[in-house]
N, C-alpha and C. Protein backbone atom coordinates (compact mmCIF):
# COMPACT_ATOMS: atom_id res chain seq x y z
N MET A 1 98.84 108.18 104.94
CA MET A 1 99.17 107.78 103.88
C MET A 1 98.27 107.28 102.84
N GLU A 2 98.34 107.65 101.60
CA GLU A 2 97.08 107.05 100.76
C GLU A 2 96.58 105.78 100.67
N SER A 3 95.63 105.23 100.45
CA SER A 3 94.96 103.92 100.42
C SER A 3 95.65 103.06 99.66
N LYS A 4 95.85 101.94 99.80
CA LYS A 4 96.61 100.68 98.84
C LYS A 4 95.44 99.96 98.20
N LYS A 5 95.38 100.71 96.71
CA LYS A 5 94.21 100.04 96.24
C LYS A 5 94.69 98.35 95.53
N LYS A 6 93.83 97.70 96.37
CA LYS A 6 94.30 96.24 95.58
C LYS A 6 95.56 95.80 95.34
N VAL A 7 96.48 96.22 96.20
CA VAL A 7 98.14 95.68 96.31
C VAL A 7 98.13 94.14 97.22
N PRO A 8 98.65 93.02 96.39
CA PRO A 8 98.47 91.97 97.15
C PRO A 8 99.75 92.23 98.53
N THR A 9 99.21 91.19 99.45
CA THR A 9 100.26 91.82 100.38
C THR A 9 101.59 90.37 100.42
N ASN A 10 101.43 89.62 99.54
CA ASN A 10 102.35 88.52 99.24
C ASN A 10 103.01 88.65 97.92
N THR A 11 103.63 88.06 97.74
CA THR A 11 104.59 88.17 96.38
C THR A 11 103.80 87.24 95.22
N ILE A 12 104.13 87.35 94.48
CA ILE A 12 103.44 86.87 93.23
C ILE A 12 104.12 86.46 91.75
N THR A 13 104.26 85.69 91.15
CA THR A 13 104.97 85.55 89.89
C THR A 13 104.10 86.72 88.86
N ARG A 14 105.12 87.13 88.62
CA ARG A 14 105.10 88.36 87.32
C ARG A 14 105.71 87.97 86.13
N ASP A 15 105.02 88.34 84.95
CA ASP A 15 105.86 88.14 83.40
C ASP A 15 107.02 89.01 83.19
N ILE A 16 107.86 88.80 83.24
CA ILE A 16 109.23 89.65 82.78
C ILE A 16 109.29 90.52 81.75
N LYS A 17 108.23 89.94 80.72
CA LYS A 17 108.45 90.87 79.36
C LYS A 17 107.32 91.59 79.37
N THR A 18 106.14 91.57 80.38
CA THR A 18 105.30 92.82 80.86
C THR A 18 106.02 93.36 81.50
N LEU A 19 106.40 93.30 82.59
CA LEU A 19 107.00 94.48 83.09
C LEU A 19 108.34 95.25 82.24
N ALA A 20 108.80 94.58 81.36
CA ALA A 20 110.11 95.05 80.85
C ALA A 20 109.29 96.21 79.64
N ALA A 21 107.74 95.84 79.15
CA ALA A 21 107.61 96.21 78.05
C ALA A 21 107.63 97.55 77.83
N PRO A 22 107.26 98.74 79.01
CA PRO A 22 106.93 100.09 79.11
C PRO A 22 108.24 100.49 78.58
N THR A 23 109.62 100.09 78.96
CA THR A 23 110.56 100.46 79.26
C THR A 23 111.91 100.06 78.15
N GLY A 24 111.32 98.71 77.59
CA GLY A 24 111.68 98.15 76.88
C GLY A 24 113.32 97.34 76.84
N ASN A 25 113.50 97.90 78.69
CA ASN A 25 114.75 96.95 79.61
C ASN A 25 114.16 96.64 80.67
N ILE A 26 114.43 95.19 81.15
CA ILE A 26 114.13 94.79 82.61
C ILE A 26 114.85 95.71 83.59
N TYR A 27 116.18 95.73 82.85
CA TYR A 27 117.24 96.72 83.92
C TYR A 27 116.54 98.03 84.48
N GLU A 28 115.86 98.72 83.56
CA GLU A 28 115.65 100.07 83.96
C GLU A 28 114.37 99.95 84.31
N THR A 29 113.16 98.52 84.09
CA THR A 29 112.10 98.68 84.85
C THR A 29 112.73 98.34 86.28
N VAL A 30 113.59 97.34 86.77
CA VAL A 30 113.78 97.22 87.99
C VAL A 30 114.69 98.64 88.60
N VAL A 31 115.30 99.32 88.08
CA VAL A 31 115.76 100.67 88.94
C VAL A 31 114.71 101.60 89.30
N ILE A 32 113.55 101.50 88.30
CA ILE A 32 112.51 102.42 88.34
C ILE A 32 112.17 102.11 89.64
N LEU A 33 111.88 100.85 89.74
CA LEU A 33 110.63 99.98 90.79
C LEU A 33 111.50 100.56 91.88
N SER A 34 112.80 100.16 92.16
CA SER A 34 113.71 100.58 93.30
C SER A 34 113.60 101.58 93.62
N LYS A 35 113.66 102.67 92.80
CA LYS A 35 113.66 103.99 93.44
C LYS A 35 112.22 104.28 94.01
N ARG A 36 111.63 103.89 93.23
CA ARG A 36 110.16 104.15 93.82
C ARG A 36 109.54 103.63 94.88
N ALA A 37 110.00 102.27 95.33
CA ALA A 37 109.95 101.62 96.30
C ALA A 37 110.46 102.13 97.75
N ASN A 38 111.47 103.00 97.34
CA ASN A 38 112.64 103.46 98.49
C ASN A 38 111.71 104.69 98.89
N GLN A 39 111.17 105.45 97.94
CA GLN A 39 109.99 106.78 98.22
C GLN A 39 109.21 106.18 98.86
N ILE A 40 108.59 104.95 98.84
CA ILE A 40 107.33 104.81 99.22
C ILE A 40 107.91 104.43 101.05
N ALA A 41 108.53 103.50 100.88
CA ALA A 41 109.30 102.98 102.20
C ALA A 41 110.02 104.71 102.92
N ILE A 42 110.45 105.18 102.58
CA ILE A 42 110.71 106.36 103.33
C ILE A 42 109.90 107.49 103.68
N ALA A 43 108.54 107.24 102.81
CA ALA A 43 107.52 108.25 103.12
C ALA A 43 106.86 107.46 104.64
N GLU A 44 106.39 106.20 104.19
CA GLU A 44 105.74 105.25 105.18
C GLU A 44 106.75 105.26 106.54
N LYS A 45 107.62 105.33 106.62
CA LYS A 45 108.82 105.24 107.84
C LYS A 45 108.50 106.53 108.39
N LYS A 46 108.27 107.90 107.60
CA LYS A 46 107.94 109.28 108.30
C LYS A 46 106.85 109.24 109.04
N GLU A 47 105.85 108.43 108.11
CA GLU A 47 104.45 108.60 108.69
C GLU A 47 104.61 107.75 109.80
N LEU A 48 104.97 106.50 109.97
CA LEU A 48 104.90 105.85 111.33
C LEU A 48 105.94 106.63 112.39
N MET A 49 106.81 107.05 112.07
CA MET A 49 107.55 107.77 113.15
C MET A 49 107.07 108.83 114.08
N LYS A 50 106.25 109.42 112.73
CA LYS A 50 105.63 111.00 113.42
C LYS A 50 104.34 110.20 114.29
N LYS A 51 103.80 109.25 114.08
CA LYS A 51 102.46 108.96 114.98
C LYS A 51 103.10 108.25 116.35
N LEU A 52 104.09 107.64 116.24
CA LEU A 52 105.13 106.85 117.28
C LEU A 52 105.41 107.78 118.09
N GLU A 53 105.71 109.27 117.39
CA GLU A 53 106.35 110.31 118.63
C GLU A 53 105.54 110.63 119.59
N ASP A 54 104.27 110.50 119.87
CA ASP A 54 103.68 110.75 120.80
C ASP A 54 103.60 110.01 121.74
N PHE A 55 104.41 108.68 121.79
CA PHE A 55 104.40 107.66 122.90
C PHE A 55 105.78 107.52 123.16
N ARG A 56 106.88 108.38 122.99
CA ARG A 56 107.79 108.91 123.20
C ARG A 56 108.01 109.54 124.43
N ASN A 57 108.76 108.76 125.62
CA ASN A 57 108.86 109.33 126.76
C ASN A 57 110.53 109.87 126.99
N ASP A 58 110.75 111.06 127.42
CA ASP A 58 112.57 110.97 127.52
C ASP A 58 113.22 110.53 128.70
N ARG A 59 111.99 109.70 129.81
CA ARG A 59 112.65 109.06 130.81
C ARG A 59 112.40 107.38 130.49
N ASP A 60 112.45 107.16 129.45
CA ASP A 60 112.17 105.80 129.43
C ASP A 60 113.67 105.02 129.64
N THR A 61 113.27 104.17 130.25
CA THR A 61 114.73 103.12 130.75
C THR A 61 113.96 101.92 130.22
N MET A 62 114.85 100.86 130.25
CA MET A 62 114.40 99.23 130.23
C MET A 62 113.60 98.58 131.34
N ASP A 63 113.59 99.38 132.41
CA ASP A 63 112.76 98.48 133.65
C ASP A 63 111.43 99.56 133.70
N GLU A 64 111.53 100.68 132.79
CA GLU A 64 110.15 101.47 133.00
C GLU A 64 109.25 101.78 131.47
N VAL A 65 109.93 100.64 130.48
CA VAL A 65 108.93 100.38 129.38
C VAL A 65 107.93 100.00 129.67
N PHE A 66 106.92 100.12 129.03
CA PHE A 66 105.54 99.63 129.42
C PHE A 66 104.60 99.34 127.99
N GLU A 67 104.01 98.33 128.14
CA GLU A 67 102.98 98.19 126.69
C GLU A 67 101.97 98.87 126.73
N ASN A 68 102.01 99.77 125.47
CA ASN A 68 101.19 100.34 125.19
C ASN A 68 100.12 100.20 123.82
N LYS A 69 98.88 99.62 124.47
CA LYS A 69 98.07 99.11 123.44
C LYS A 69 97.70 99.73 122.05
N GLU A 70 97.37 100.90 122.23
CA GLU A 70 97.37 102.11 121.08
C GLU A 70 98.72 101.86 120.06
N GLN A 71 99.80 102.06 120.66
CA GLN A 71 101.25 101.96 119.97
C GLN A 71 101.07 100.38 119.21
N ILE A 72 100.97 99.32 120.11
CA ILE A 72 100.86 98.49 119.40
C ILE A 72 99.95 98.06 118.07
N GLU A 73 98.76 98.82 118.43
CA GLU A 73 98.18 98.69 117.27
C GLU A 73 98.34 99.54 115.86
N ILE A 74 99.49 100.67 115.98
CA ILE A 74 99.39 101.56 115.01
C ILE A 74 100.69 100.57 114.25
N SER A 75 101.73 99.78 115.32
CA SER A 75 102.52 99.15 114.33
C SER A 75 102.28 98.06 113.95
N LYS A 76 101.13 97.19 114.19
CA LYS A 76 100.44 96.46 113.73
C LYS A 76 99.85 96.77 112.46
N TYR A 77 99.49 97.97 112.26
CA TYR A 77 98.89 98.55 111.02
C TYR A 77 99.79 98.38 109.80
N TYR A 78 101.09 98.81 110.42
CA TYR A 78 101.90 98.68 109.39
C TYR A 78 102.50 97.89 108.81
N GLU A 79 102.55 97.02 109.58
CA GLU A 79 103.19 95.46 109.59
C GLU A 79 102.10 94.66 108.31
N ARG A 80 100.76 95.22 108.86
CA ARG A 80 99.82 94.33 107.57
C ARG A 80 99.65 94.99 106.31
N GLN A 81 100.41 96.33 105.89
CA GLN A 81 100.18 96.81 105.07
C GLN A 81 101.14 96.44 103.80
N PRO A 82 100.74 96.55 102.65
CA PRO A 82 101.54 96.08 101.52
C PRO A 82 103.30 96.41 101.51
N LYS A 83 104.01 95.76 101.14
CA LYS A 83 105.55 95.97 101.01
C LYS A 83 105.74 96.94 100.18
N PRO A 84 106.33 97.98 99.82
CA PRO A 84 106.79 99.20 98.82
C PRO A 84 107.05 98.68 97.76
N ASP A 85 107.70 97.61 97.70
CA ASP A 85 108.12 97.10 95.95
C ASP A 85 106.82 96.59 95.76
N LEU A 86 105.77 95.61 96.39
CA LEU A 86 104.75 95.54 96.12
C LEU A 86 103.85 97.05 95.22
N VAL A 87 103.70 97.52 96.08
CA VAL A 87 102.91 99.12 95.93
C VAL A 87 103.49 99.38 94.44
N ALA A 88 104.74 99.56 94.59
CA ALA A 88 105.82 100.14 93.21
C ALA A 88 105.41 99.53 91.98
N ILE A 89 105.22 97.96 92.10
CA ILE A 89 105.19 97.13 91.01
C ILE A 89 103.70 97.66 90.66
N ALA A 90 102.88 97.59 91.46
CA ALA A 90 101.21 97.69 91.39
C ALA A 90 100.85 99.01 90.65
N GLU A 91 101.33 99.81 90.94
CA GLU A 91 101.92 101.77 90.36
C GLU A 91 102.12 101.68 89.19
N PHE A 92 103.38 100.82 88.89
CA PHE A 92 104.05 100.95 87.66
C PHE A 92 103.45 99.95 86.60
N GLU A 93 102.57 98.96 87.18
CA GLU A 93 101.37 98.37 86.05
C GLU A 93 100.34 99.01 85.43
N ALA A 94 99.83 99.60 86.97
CA ALA A 94 98.89 100.47 86.28
C ALA A 94 99.28 101.89 85.60
N GLY A 95 100.05 102.18 85.16
CA GLY A 95 101.00 103.56 84.51
C GLY A 95 100.64 104.74 85.20
N GLU A 96 100.65 104.29 86.59
CA GLU A 96 100.89 105.63 87.53
C GLU A 96 102.09 106.40 87.92
N LEU A 97 103.09 105.66 87.49
CA LEU A 97 104.29 106.30 87.23
C LEU A 97 104.85 106.86 86.42
N VAL A 98 105.77 108.19 86.61
CA VAL A 98 106.35 108.94 85.93
C VAL A 98 107.66 108.94 85.75
N TYR A 99 108.25 108.45 84.67
CA TYR A 99 109.77 108.58 84.68
C TYR A 99 110.18 108.75 83.42
N ARG A 100 111.55 109.27 83.77
CA ARG A 100 112.38 109.84 82.45
C ARG A 100 113.97 108.97 82.07
N LYS A 101 114.42 109.59 81.24
CA LYS A 101 115.52 108.88 81.19
C LYS A 101 116.52 109.96 81.43
N ALA A 102 117.98 109.82 82.43
CA ALA A 102 118.43 111.10 82.47
C ALA A 102 119.43 111.20 81.10
N GLN A 103 119.78 112.47 80.73
CA GLN A 103 120.21 113.02 79.35
C GLN A 103 121.82 112.87 79.24
């Protein structure tokens, strides 16, 4: 996935007026951010599942499951990534999102 550029990994307080300024309506901004966050989350999930597919074994049972250090590292990497909503907000604030109103 693309590298996350200076996106905070924890929540921060934001000025609602600043977020609403590009659209003129905070509710439209929230919808835009929500849809973008969902897109990011789906893309990250697909990427993670693709990487973890290599570790899947058809004969895994509860007794046969073993810890795989590589698999754990991949999972930890994705856990440390900024949350999709924070990435969406950062993209919106940087003017990187393209959106249009449905007519």
